[in-house]
PDB file of N, CA and C in Angstrom:
ATOM      1  N   MET A   1      36.593 -29.471 -13.217  1.00  0.00           N
ATOM      2  CA  MET A   1      35.177 -29.614 -12.926  1.00  0.00           C
ATOM      3  C   MET A   1      34.396 -29.406 -14.226  1.00  0.00           C
ATOM      4  N   PRO A   2      33.468 -30.329 -14.561  1.00  0.00           N
ATOM      5  CA  PRO A   2      32.707 -30.180 -15.799  1.00  0.00           C
ATOM      6  C   PRO A   2      31.777 -28.965 -15.731  1.00  0.00           C
ATOM      7  N   PRO A   3      31.489 -28.365 -16.886  1.00  0.00           N
ATOM      8  CA  PRO A   3      30.597 -27.199 -16.881  1.00  0.00           C
ATOM      9  C   PRO A   3      29.180 -27.590 -16.469  1.00  0.00           C
ATOM     10  N   ILE A   4      28.460 -26.624 -15.932  1.00  0.00           N
ATOM     11  CA  ILE A   4      27.065 -26.832 -15.523  1.00  0.00           C
ATOM     12  C   ILE A   4      26.181 -26.376 -16.659  1.00  0.00           C
ATOM     13  N   ASP A   5      25.328 -27.272 -17.116  1.00  0.00           N
ATOM     14  CA  ASP A   5      24.437 -26.972 -18.237  1.00  0.00           C
ATOM     15  C   ASP A   5      23.145 -26.352 -17.707  1.00  0.00           C
ATOM     16  N   PHE A   6      23.141 -25.026 -17.597  1.00  0.00           N
ATOM     17  CA  PHE A   6      21.940 -24.349 -17.095  1.00  0.00           C
ATOM     18  C   PHE A   6      20.765 -24.497 -18.047  1.00  0.00           C
ATOM     19  N   ASN A   7      21.053 -24.605 -19.335  1.00  0.00           N
ATOM     20  CA  ASN A   7      19.981 -24.795 -20.316  1.00  0.00           C
ATOM     21  C   ASN A   7      19.367 -26.186 -20.204  1.00  0.00           C
ATOM     22  N   GLY A   8      20.074 -27.097 -19.565  1.00  0.00           N
ATOM     23  CA  GLY A   8      19.570 -28.453 -19.404  1.00  0.00           C
ATOM     24  C   GLY A   8      18.774 -28.664 -18.129  1.00  0.00           C
ATOM     25  N   LEU A   9      18.651 -27.623 -17.310  1.00  0.00           N
ATOM     26  CA  LEU A   9      17.852 -27.773 -16.090  1.00  0.00           C
ATOM     27  C   LEU A   9      16.393 -28.034 -16.445  1.00  0.00           C
ATOM     28  N   ASP A  10      15.790 -28.933 -15.726  1.00  0.00           N
ATOM     29  CA  ASP A  10      14.395 -29.297 -15.938  1.00  0.00           C
ATOM     30  C   ASP A  10      13.503 -28.169 -15.419  1.00  0.00           C
ATOM     31  N   THR A  11      12.886 -27.431 -16.337  1.00  0.00           N
ATOM     32  CA  THR A  11      12.063 -26.287 -15.927  1.00  0.00           C
ATOM     33  C   THR A  11      10.805 -26.718 -15.180  1.00  0.00           C
ATOM     34  N   ALA A  12      10.407 -27.973 -15.324  1.00  0.00           N
ATOM     35  CA  ALA A  12       9.249 -28.455 -14.566  1.00  0.00           C
ATOM     36  C   ALA A  12       9.587 -28.585 -13.079  1.00  0.00           C
ATOM     37  N   VAL A  13      10.869 -28.723 -12.764  1.00  0.00           N
ATOM     38  CA  VAL A  13      11.312 -28.827 -11.371  1.00  0.00           C
ATOM     39  C   VAL A  13      11.798 -27.477 -10.863  1.00  0.00           C
ATOM     40  N   HIS A  14      12.372 -26.673 -11.733  1.00  0.00           N
ATOM     41  CA  HIS A  14      13.123 -25.483 -11.363  1.00  0.00           C
ATOM     42  C   HIS A  14      12.327 -24.410 -10.614  1.00  0.00           C
ATOM     43  N   GLY A  15      11.075 -24.222 -10.893  1.00  0.00           N
ATOM     44  CA  GLY A  15      10.303 -23.175 -10.224  1.00  0.00           C
ATOM     45  C   GLY A  15      10.208 -23.418  -8.734  1.00  0.00           C
ATOM     46  N   PRO A  16      10.238 -22.359  -7.932  1.00  0.00           N
ATOM     47  CA  PRO A  16      10.236 -22.523  -6.475  1.00  0.00           C
ATOM     48  C   PRO A  16       9.064 -23.343  -5.934  1.00  0.00           C
ATOM     49  N   LEU A  17       7.869 -23.101  -6.441  1.00  0.00           N
ATOM     50  CA  LEU A  17       6.709 -23.826  -5.917  1.00  0.00           C
ATOM     51  C   LEU A  17       6.750 -25.290  -6.343  1.00  0.00           C
ATOM     52  N   ARG A  18       7.151 -25.549  -7.573  1.00  0.00           N
ATOM     53  CA  ARG A  18       7.247 -26.937  -8.034  1.00  0.00           C
ATOM     54  C   ARG A  18       8.341 -27.683  -7.290  1.00  0.00           C
ATOM     55  N   LEU A  19       9.461 -27.023  -7.079  1.00  0.00           N
ATOM     56  CA  LEU A  19      10.542 -27.632  -6.302  1.00  0.00           C
ATOM     57  C   LEU A  19      10.060 -27.916  -4.880  1.00  0.00           C
ATOM     58  N   GLY A  20       9.281 -26.998  -4.330  1.00  0.00           N
ATOM     59  CA  GLY A  20       8.716 -27.199  -2.993  1.00  0.00           C
ATOM     60  C   GLY A  20       7.767 -28.380  -2.937  1.00  0.00           C
ATOM     61  N   VAL A  21       6.912 -28.515  -3.944  1.00  0.00           N
ATOM     62  CA  VAL A  21       5.969 -29.636  -3.996  1.00  0.00           C
ATOM     63  C   VAL A  21       6.732 -30.951  -4.072  1.00  0.00           C
ATOM     64  N   LEU A  22       7.658 -31.054  -5.018  1.00  0.00           N
ATOM     65  CA  LEU A  22       8.408 -32.304  -5.182  1.00  0.00           C
ATOM     66  C   LEU A  22       9.210 -32.635  -3.929  1.00  0.00           C
ATOM     67  N   SER A  23       9.825 -31.637  -3.329  1.00  0.00           N
ATOM     68  CA  SER A  23      10.606 -31.864  -2.109  1.00  0.00           C
ATOM     69  C   SER A  23       9.715 -32.327  -0.967  1.00  0.00           C
ATOM     70  N   ALA A  24       8.597 -31.666  -0.779  1.00  0.00           N
ATOM     71  CA  ALA A  24       7.676 -32.040   0.306  1.00  0.00           C
ATOM     72  C   ALA A  24       7.165 -33.465   0.121  1.00  0.00           C
ATOM     73  N   LEU A  25       6.795 -33.822  -1.102  1.00  0.00           N
ATOM     74  CA  LEU A  25       6.293 -35.167  -1.355  1.00  0.00           C
ATOM     75  C   LEU A  25       7.395 -36.208  -1.208  1.00  0.00           C
ATOM     76  N   ARG A  26       8.608 -35.859  -1.571  1.00  0.00           N
ATOM     77  CA  ARG A  26       9.744 -36.788  -1.443  1.00  0.00           C
ATOM     78  C   ARG A  26      10.084 -37.003   0.028  1.00  0.00           C
ATOM     79  N   ILE A  27      10.033 -35.955   0.817  1.00  0.00           N
ATOM     80  CA  ILE A  27      10.394 -36.050   2.232  1.00  0.00           C
ATOM     81  C   ILE A  27       9.279 -36.671   3.068  1.00  0.00           C
ATOM     82  N   HIS A  28       8.035 -36.238   2.844  1.00  0.00           N
ATOM     83  CA  HIS A  28       6.928 -36.614   3.724  1.00  0.00           C
ATOM     84  C   HIS A  28       5.994 -37.670   3.163  1.00  0.00           C
ATOM     85  N   GLY A  29       6.157 -38.037   1.900  1.00  0.00           N
ATOM     86  CA  GLY A  29       5.236 -38.990   1.292  1.00  0.00           C
ATOM     87  C   GLY A  29       3.995 -38.264   0.792  1.00  0.00           C
ATOM     88  N   ALA A  30       2.923 -38.995   0.615  1.00  0.00           N
ATOM     89  CA  ALA A  30       1.686 -38.441   0.072  1.00  0.00           C
ATOM     90  C   ALA A  30       1.152 -37.325   0.976  1.00  0.00           C
ATOM     91  N   LEU A  31       0.739 -36.231   0.319  1.00  0.00           N
ATOM     92  CA  LEU A  31       0.144 -35.102   1.045  1.00  0.00           C
ATOM     93  C   LEU A  31      -1.084 -34.619   0.297  1.00  0.00           C
ATOM     94  N   ASP A  32      -2.062 -34.119   1.046  1.00  0.00           N
ATOM     95  CA  ASP A  32      -3.249 -33.579   0.393  1.00  0.00           C
ATOM     96  C   ASP A  32      -3.038 -32.107   0.024  1.00  0.00           C
ATOM     97  N   PHE A  33      -3.953 -31.619  -0.775  1.00  0.00           N
ATOM     98  CA  PHE A  33      -3.845 -30.252  -1.296  1.00  0.00           C
ATOM     99  C   PHE A  33      -3.736 -29.227  -0.171  1.00  0.00           C
ATOM    100  N   THR A  34      -4.566 -29.359   0.840  1.00  0.00           N
ATOM    101  CA  THR A  34      -4.582 -28.383   1.932  1.00  0.00           C
ATOM    102  C   THR A  34      -3.256 -28.377   2.689  1.00  0.00           C
ATOM    103  N   THR A  35      -2.702 -29.547   2.921  1.00  0.00           N
ATOM    104  CA  THR A  35      -1.417 -29.631   3.619  1.00  0.00           C
ATOM    105  C   THR A  35      -0.315 -28.993   2.790  1.00  0.00           C
ATOM    106  N   LEU A  36      -0.276 -29.298   1.489  1.00  0.00           N
ATOM    107  CA  LEU A  36       0.715 -28.679   0.611  1.00  0.00           C
ATOM    108  C   LEU A  36       0.562 -27.164   0.603  1.00  0.00           C
ATOM    109  N   LYS A  37      -0.666 -26.713   0.519  1.00  0.00           N
ATOM    110  CA  LYS A  37      -0.931 -25.276   0.481  1.00  0.00           C
ATOM    111  C   LYS A  37      -0.393 -24.587   1.739  1.00  0.00           C
ATOM    112  N   LYS A  38      -0.629 -25.179   2.893  1.00  0.00           N
ATOM    113  CA  LYS A  38      -0.156 -24.599   4.154  1.00  0.00           C
ATOM    114  C   LYS A  38       1.364 -24.646   4.253  1.00  0.00           C
ATOM    115  N   ARG A  39       1.958 -25.791   3.920  1.00  0.00           N
ATOM    116  CA  ARG A  39       3.419 -25.938   4.050  1.00  0.00           C
ATOM    117  C   ARG A  39       4.175 -25.013   3.113  1.00  0.00           C
ATOM    118  N   LEU A  40       3.606 -24.801   1.922  1.00  0.00           N
ATOM    119  CA  LEU A  40       4.290 -23.989   0.920  1.00  0.00           C
ATOM    120  C   LEU A  40       3.817 -22.535   0.931  1.00  0.00           C
ATOM    121  N   GLU A  41       2.843 -22.237   1.786  1.00  0.00           N
ATOM    122  CA  GLU A  41       2.284 -20.890   1.879  1.00  0.00           C
ATOM    123  C   GLU A  41       1.890 -20.367   0.502  1.00  0.00           C
ATOM    124  N   ALA A  42       1.101 -21.169  -0.201  1.00  0.00           N
ATOM    125  CA  ALA A  42       0.695 -20.860  -1.572  1.00  0.00           C
ATOM    126  C   ALA A  42      -0.805 -20.588  -1.632  1.00  0.00           C
ATOM    127  N   THR A  43      -1.209 -19.878  -2.669  1.00  0.00           N
ATOM    128  CA  THR A  43      -2.636 -19.677  -2.908  1.00  0.00           C
ATOM    129  C   THR A  43      -3.187 -20.897  -3.636  1.00  0.00           C
ATOM    130  N   ASP A  44      -4.501 -21.068  -3.567  1.00  0.00           N
ATOM    131  CA  ASP A  44      -5.146 -22.187  -4.256  1.00  0.00           C
ATOM    132  C   ASP A  44      -4.806 -22.186  -5.743  1.00  0.00           C
ATOM    133  N   GLY A  45      -4.960 -21.028  -6.373  1.00  0.00           N
ATOM    134  CA  GLY A  45      -4.752 -20.931  -7.820  1.00  0.00           C
ATOM    135  C   GLY A  45      -3.330 -21.236  -8.238  1.00  0.00           C
ATOM    136  N   ALA A  46      -2.370 -20.661  -7.535  1.00  0.00           N
ATOM    137  CA  ALA A  46      -0.964 -20.885  -7.882  1.00  0.00           C
ATOM    138  C   ALA A  46      -0.587 -22.350  -7.668  1.00  0.00           C
ATOM    139  N   LEU A  47      -0.974 -22.903  -6.525  1.00  0.00           N
ATOM    140  CA  LEU A  47      -0.632 -24.294  -6.245  1.00  0.00           C
ATOM    141  C   LEU A  47      -1.306 -25.221  -7.242  1.00  0.00           C
ATOM    142  N   GLY A  48      -2.574 -24.981  -7.525  1.00  0.00           N
ATOM    143  CA  GLY A  48      -3.298 -25.817  -8.475  1.00  0.00           C
ATOM    144  C   GLY A  48      -2.648 -25.833  -9.843  1.00  0.00           C
ATOM    145  N   MET A  49      -2.213 -24.684 -10.296  1.00  0.00           N
ATOM    146  CA  MET A  49      -1.570 -24.588 -11.614  1.00  0.00           C
ATOM    147  C   MET A  49      -0.282 -25.406 -11.640  1.00  0.00           C
ATOM    148  N   HIS A  50       0.527 -25.300 -10.592  1.00  0.00           N
ATOM    149  CA  HIS A  50       1.798 -26.016 -10.565  1.00  0.00           C
ATOM    150  C   HIS A  50       1.600 -27.521 -10.359  1.00  0.00           C
ATOM    151  N   LEU A  51       0.625 -27.899  -9.573  1.00  0.00           N
ATOM    152  CA  LEU A  51       0.315 -29.317  -9.411  1.00  0.00           C
ATOM    153  C   LEU A  51      -0.114 -29.915 -10.745  1.00  0.00           C
ATOM    154  N   HIS A  52      -0.922 -29.183 -11.486  1.00  0.00           N
ATOM    155  CA  HIS A  52      -1.378 -29.643 -12.796  1.00  0.00           C
ATOM    156  C   HIS A  52      -0.187 -29.860 -13.729  1.00  0.00           C
ATOM    157  N   LYS A  53       0.752 -28.930 -13.746  1.00  0.00           N
ATOM    158  CA  LYS A  53       1.946 -29.047 -14.588  1.00  0.00           C
ATOM    159  C   LYS A  53       2.767 -30.269 -14.192  1.00  0.00           C
ATOM    160  N   LEU A  54       2.933 -30.484 -12.896  1.00  0.00           N
ATOM    161  CA  LEU A  54       3.699 -31.646 -12.435  1.00  0.00           C
ATOM    162  C   LEU A  54       2.985 -32.957 -12.775  1.00  0.00           C
ATOM    163  N   GLU A  55       1.654 -32.945 -12.753  1.00  0.00           N
ATOM    164  CA  GLU A  55       0.899 -34.127 -13.176  1.00  0.00           C
ATOM    165  C   GLU A  55       1.098 -34.377 -14.670  1.00  0.00           C
ATOM    166  N   GLU A  56       1.045 -33.323 -15.469  1.00  0.00           N
ATOM    167  CA  GLU A  56       1.224 -33.448 -16.921  1.00  0.00           C
ATOM    168  C   GLU A  56       2.579 -34.054 -17.273  1.00  0.00           C
ATOM    169  N   THR A  57       3.620 -33.697 -16.527  1.00  0.00           N
ATOM    170  CA  THR A  57       4.954 -34.216 -16.801  1.00  0.00           C
ATOM    171  C   THR A  57       5.144 -35.629 -16.256  1.00  0.00           C
ATOM    172  N   GLY A  58       4.193 -36.100 -15.460  1.00  0.00           N
ATOM    173  CA  GLY A  58       4.291 -37.437 -14.886  1.00  0.00           C
ATOM    174  C   GLY A  58       5.138 -37.491 -13.640  1.00  0.00           C
ATOM    175  N   TYR A  59       5.391 -36.331 -13.024  1.00  0.00           N
ATOM    176  CA  TYR A  59       6.230 -36.279 -11.833  1.00  0.00           C
ATOM    177  C   TYR A  59       5.439 -36.541 -10.560  1.00  0.00           C
ATOM    178  N   ILE A  60       4.141 -36.324 -10.598  1.00  0.00           N
ATOM    179  CA  ILE A  60       3.274 -36.612  -9.452  1.00  0.00           C
ATOM    180  C   ILE A  60       1.994 -37.260  -9.955  1.00  0.00           C
ATOM    181  N   THR A  61       1.303 -37.922  -9.056  1.00  0.00           N
ATOM    182  CA  THR A  61      -0.030 -38.441  -9.346  1.00  0.00           C
ATOM    183  C   THR A  61      -0.993 -37.862  -8.325  1.00  0.00           C
ATOM    184  N   CYS A  62      -2.256 -37.863  -8.689  1.00  0.00           N
ATOM    185  CA  CYS A  62      -3.286 -37.333  -7.802  1.00  0.00           C
ATOM    186  C   CYS A  62      -4.402 -38.358  -7.645  1.00  0.00           C
ATOM    187  N   LYS A  63      -4.783 -38.591  -6.412  1.00  0.00           N
ATOM    188  CA  LYS A  63      -5.922 -39.451  -6.112  1.00  0.00           C
ATOM    189  C   LYS A  63      -7.008 -38.575  -5.521  1.00  0.00           C
ATOM    190  N   LYS A  64      -8.155 -38.576  -6.159  1.00  0.00           N
ATOM    191  CA  LYS A  64      -9.275 -37.753  -5.692  1.00  0.00           C
ATOM    192  C   LYS A  64     -10.281 -38.646  -4.980  1.00  0.00           C
ATOM    193  N   ALA A  65     -10.775 -38.157  -3.864  1.00  0.00           N
ATOM    194  CA  ALA A  65     -11.750 -38.904  -3.073  1.00  0.00           C
ATOM    195  C   ALA A  65     -12.650 -37.906  -2.351  1.00  0.00           C
ATOM    196  N   PHE A  66     -13.694 -38.437  -1.750  1.00  0.00           N
ATOM    197  CA  PHE A  66     -14.554 -37.616  -0.910  1.00  0.00           C
ATOM    198  C   PHE A  66     -14.397 -38.079   0.529  1.00  0.00           C
ATOM    199  N   VAL A  67     -14.152 -37.134   1.416  1.00  0.00           N
ATOM    200  CA  VAL A  67     -14.029 -37.416   2.839  1.00  0.00           C
ATOM    201  C   VAL A  67     -15.065 -36.554   3.546  1.00  0.00           C
ATOM    202  N   GLN A  68     -15.999 -37.214   4.207  1.00  0.00           N
ATOM    203  CA  GLN A  68     -17.113 -36.516   4.853  1.00  0.00           C
ATOM    204  C   GLN A  68     -17.787 -35.570   3.868  1.00  0.00           C
ATOM    205  N   GLU A  69     -18.076 -36.092   2.685  1.00  0.00           N
ATOM    206  CA  GLU A  69     -18.782 -35.374   1.611  1.00  0.00           C
ATOM    207  C   GLU A  69     -18.025 -34.160   1.075  1.00  0.00           C
ATOM    208  N   ARG A  70     -16.718 -34.091   1.349  1.00  0.00           N
ATOM    209  CA  ARG A  70     -15.891 -33.000   0.823  1.00  0.00           C
ATOM    210  C   ARG A  70     -14.808 -33.605  -0.059  1.00  0.00           C
ATOM    211  N   PRO A  71     -14.521 -32.952  -1.184  1.00  0.00           N
ATOM    212  CA  PRO A  71     -13.471 -33.487  -2.059  1.00  0.00           C
ATOM    213  C   PRO A  71     -12.091 -33.367  -1.409  1.00  0.00           C
ATOM    214  N   LYS A  72     -11.269 -34.391  -1.652  1.00  0.00           N
ATOM    215  CA  LYS A  72      -9.908 -34.381  -1.120  1.00  0.00           C
ATOM    216  C   LYS A  72      -8.978 -34.938  -2.195  1.00  0.00           C
ATOM    217  N   SER A  73      -7.984 -34.140  -2.563  1.00  0.00           N
ATOM    218  CA  SER A  73      -6.985 -34.555  -3.545  1.00  0.00           C
ATOM    219  C   SER A  73      -5.685 -34.833  -2.805  1.00  0.00           C
ATOM    220  N   THR A  74      -5.161 -36.033  -3.015  1.00  0.00           N
ATOM    221  CA  THR A  74      -3.906 -36.434  -2.376  1.00  0.00           C
ATOM    222  C   THR A  74      -2.871 -36.687  -3.458  1.00  0.00           C
ATOM    223  N   TYR A  75      -1.680 -36.142  -3.261  1.00  0.00           N
ATOM    224  CA  TYR A  75      -0.625 -36.186  -4.266  1.00  0.00           C
ATOM    225  C   TYR A  75       0.526 -37.050  -3.795  1.00  0.00           C
ATOM    226  N   ARG A  76       1.136 -37.755  -4.758  1.00  0.00           N
ATOM    227  CA  ARG A  76       2.314 -38.583  -4.514  1.00  0.00           C
ATOM    228  C   ARG A  76       3.343 -38.295  -5.595  1.00  0.00           C
ATOM    229  N   ILE A  77       4.607 -38.357  -5.244  1.00  0.00           N
ATOM    230  CA  ILE A  77       5.664 -38.221  -6.234  1.00  0.00           C
ATOM    231  C   ILE A  77       5.849 -39.584  -6.912  1.00  0.00           C
ATOM    232  N   THR A  78       6.061 -39.580  -8.210  1.00  0.00           N
ATOM    233  CA  THR A  78       6.263 -40.811  -8.966  1.00  0.00           C
ATOM    234  C   THR A  78       7.762 -41.134  -9.028  1.00  0.00           C
ATOM    235  N   ALA A  79       8.093 -42.310  -9.524  1.00  0.00           N
ATOM    236  CA  ALA A  79       9.498 -42.682  -9.725  1.00  0.00           C
ATOM    237  C   ALA A  79      10.160 -41.695 -10.688  1.00  0.00           C
ATOM    238  N   ARG A  80       9.422 -41.311 -11.704  1.00  0.00           N
ATOM    239  CA  ARG A  80       9.942 -40.324 -12.662  1.00  0.00           C
ATOM    240  C   ARG A  80      10.191 -38.981 -11.979  1.00  0.00           C
ATOM    241  N   GLY A  81       9.299 -38.587 -11.084  1.00  0.00           N
ATOM    242  CA  GLY A  81       9.457 -37.346 -10.342  1.00  0.00           C
ATOM    243  C   GLY A  81      10.649 -37.396  -9.402  1.00  0.00           C
ATOM    244  N   LYS A  82      10.853 -38.548  -8.751  1.00  0.00           N
ATOM    245  CA  LYS A  82      12.014 -38.717  -7.870  1.00  0.00           C
ATOM    246  C   LYS A  82      13.306 -38.572  -8.667  1.00  0.00           C
ATOM    247  N   GLN A  83      13.343 -39.188  -9.843  1.00  0.00           N
ATOM    248  CA  GLN A  83      14.530 -39.116 -10.682  1.00  0.00           C
ATOM    249  C   GLN A  83      14.795 -37.679 -11.135  1.00  0.00           C
ATOM    250  N   ALA A  84      13.744 -36.974 -11.552  1.00  0.00           N
ATOM    251  CA  ALA A  84      13.893 -35.582 -11.991  1.00  0.00           C
ATOM    252  C   ALA A  84      14.392 -34.702 -10.849  1.00  0.00           C
ATOM    253  N   LEU A  85      13.850 -34.905  -9.656  1.00  0.00           N
ATOM    254  CA  LEU A  85      14.280 -34.131  -8.495  1.00  0.00           C
ATOM    255  C   LEU A  85      15.746 -34.424  -8.172  1.00  0.00           C
ATOM    256  N   GLU A  86      16.133 -35.687  -8.195  1.00  0.00           N
ATOM    257  CA  GLU A  86      17.526 -36.052  -7.920  1.00  0.00           C
ATOM    258  C   GLU A  86      18.473 -35.415  -8.931  1.00  0.00           C
ATOM    259  N   GLN A  87      18.118 -35.452 -10.212  1.00  0.00           N
ATOM    260  CA  GLN A  87      18.963 -34.860 -11.241  1.00  0.00           C
ATOM    261  C   GLN A  87      19.091 -33.354 -11.047  1.00  0.00           C
ATOM    262  N   TYR A  88      18.005 -32.707 -10.698  1.00  0.00           N
ATOM    263  CA  TYR A  88      18.026 -31.269 -10.452  1.00  0.00           C
ATOM    264  C   TYR A  88      18.926 -30.946  -9.261  1.00  0.00           C
ATOM    265  N   LEU A  89      18.775 -31.703  -8.176  1.00  0.00           N
ATOM    266  CA  LEU A  89      19.573 -31.456  -6.981  1.00  0.00           C
ATOM    267  C   LEU A  89      21.056 -31.731  -7.233  1.00  0.00           C
ATOM    268  N   GLU A  90      21.348 -32.719  -8.044  1.00  0.00           N
ATOM    269  CA  GLU A  90      22.745 -32.990  -8.408  1.00  0.00           C
ATOM    270  C   GLU A  90      23.339 -31.814  -9.176  1.00  0.00           C
ATOM    271  N   ALA A  91      22.569 -31.228 -10.090  1.00  0.00           N
ATOM    272  CA  ALA A  91      23.042 -30.061 -10.840  1.00  0.00           C
ATOM    273  C   ALA A  91      23.269 -28.881  -9.904  1.00  0.00           C
ATOM    274  N   MET A  92      22.374 -28.685  -8.948  1.00  0.00           N
ATOM    275  CA  MET A  92      22.544 -27.591  -7.991  1.00  0.00           C
ATOM    276  C   MET A  92      23.758 -27.845  -7.094  1.00  0.00           C
ATOM    277  N   GLN A  93      23.994 -29.111  -6.729  1.00  0.00           N
ATOM    278  CA  GLN A  93      25.158 -29.427  -5.907  1.00  0.00           C
ATOM    279  C   GLN A  93      26.446 -29.155  -6.678  1.00  0.00           C
ATOM    280  N   ARG A  94      26.472 -29.462  -7.981  1.00  0.00           N
ATOM    281  CA  ARG A  94      27.649 -29.144  -8.795  1.00  0.00           C
ATOM    282  C   ARG A  94      27.890 -27.638  -8.817  1.00  0.00           C
ATOM    283  N   LEU A  95      26.818 -26.857  -8.895  1.00  0.00           N
ATOM    284  CA  LEU A  95      26.939 -25.409  -8.861  1.00  0.00           C
ATOM    285  C   LEU A  95      27.493 -24.939  -7.515  1.00  0.00           C
ATOM    286  N   ILE A  96      26.965 -25.452  -6.431  1.00  0.00           N
ATOM    287  CA  ILE A  96      27.448 -25.091  -5.103  1.00  0.00           C
ATOM    288  C   ILE A  96      28.927 -25.438  -4.964  1.00  0.00           C
ATOM    289  N   ASP A  97      29.289 -26.630  -5.411  1.00  0.00           N
ATOM    290  CA  ASP A  97      30.695 -27.058  -5.332  1.00  0.00           C
ATOM    291  C   ASP A  97      31.592 -26.123  -6.142  1.00  0.00           C
ATOM    292  N   ALA A  98      31.153 -25.747  -7.338  1.00  0.00           N
ATOM    293  CA  ALA A  98      31.950 -24.867  -8.191  1.00  0.00           C
ATOM    294  C   ALA A  98      32.146 -23.495  -7.542  1.00  0.00           C
ATOM    295  N   ILE A  99      31.116 -22.983  -6.913  1.00  0.00           N
ATOM    296  CA  ILE A  99      31.209 -21.685  -6.243  1.00  0.00           C
ATOM    297  C   ILE A  99      32.151 -21.770  -5.042  1.00  0.00           C
ATOM    298  N   GLU A 100      32.044 -22.844  -4.278  1.00  0.00           N
ATOM    299  CA  GLU A 100      32.912 -23.001  -3.113  1.00  0.00           C
ATOM    300  C   GLU A 100      34.378 -23.125  -3.521  1.00  0.00           C
ATOM    301  N   VAL A 101      34.661 -23.809  -4.618  1.00  0.00           N
ATOM    302  CA  VAL A 101      36.030 -23.956  -5.104  1.00  0.00           C
ATOM    303  C   VAL A 101      36.576 -22.618  -5.569  1.00  0.00           C
ATOM    304  N   ALA A 102      35.695 -21.790  -6.152  1.00  0.00           N
ATOM    305  CA  ALA A 102      36.123 -20.489  -6.691  1.00  0.00           C
ATOM    306  C   ALA A 102      36.428 -19.478  -5.583  1.00  0.00           C
ATOM    307  N   GLU A 103      35.955 -19.707  -4.393  1.00  0.00           N
ATOM    308  CA  GLU A 103      36.164 -18.745  -3.294  1.00  0.00           C
ATOM    309  C   GLU A 103      37.525 -18.821  -2.700  1.00  0.00           C
TER     310      GLU A 103
END
């Protein structure tokens, strides 16, 4: 079994909240800020910071609009974000497989 490169893990995906955002968007499609906040049980500040980081890396996009005179931000995972998530999950699966073989 090839070694697992922990130093090669994408830190933009690795954090629990970022992994949660990417997973939720991959599974459910576009979600607004409020829905993400509820599903991930996150505070506004923490979620906003991680969403901003994921936007900077090009893993998600944000569409801002007004709905009934209230701002609404809707997020989507990009092709680049899907690829990063898949690579991260593949690395985690290799780790799981290695642990199971060692038992």
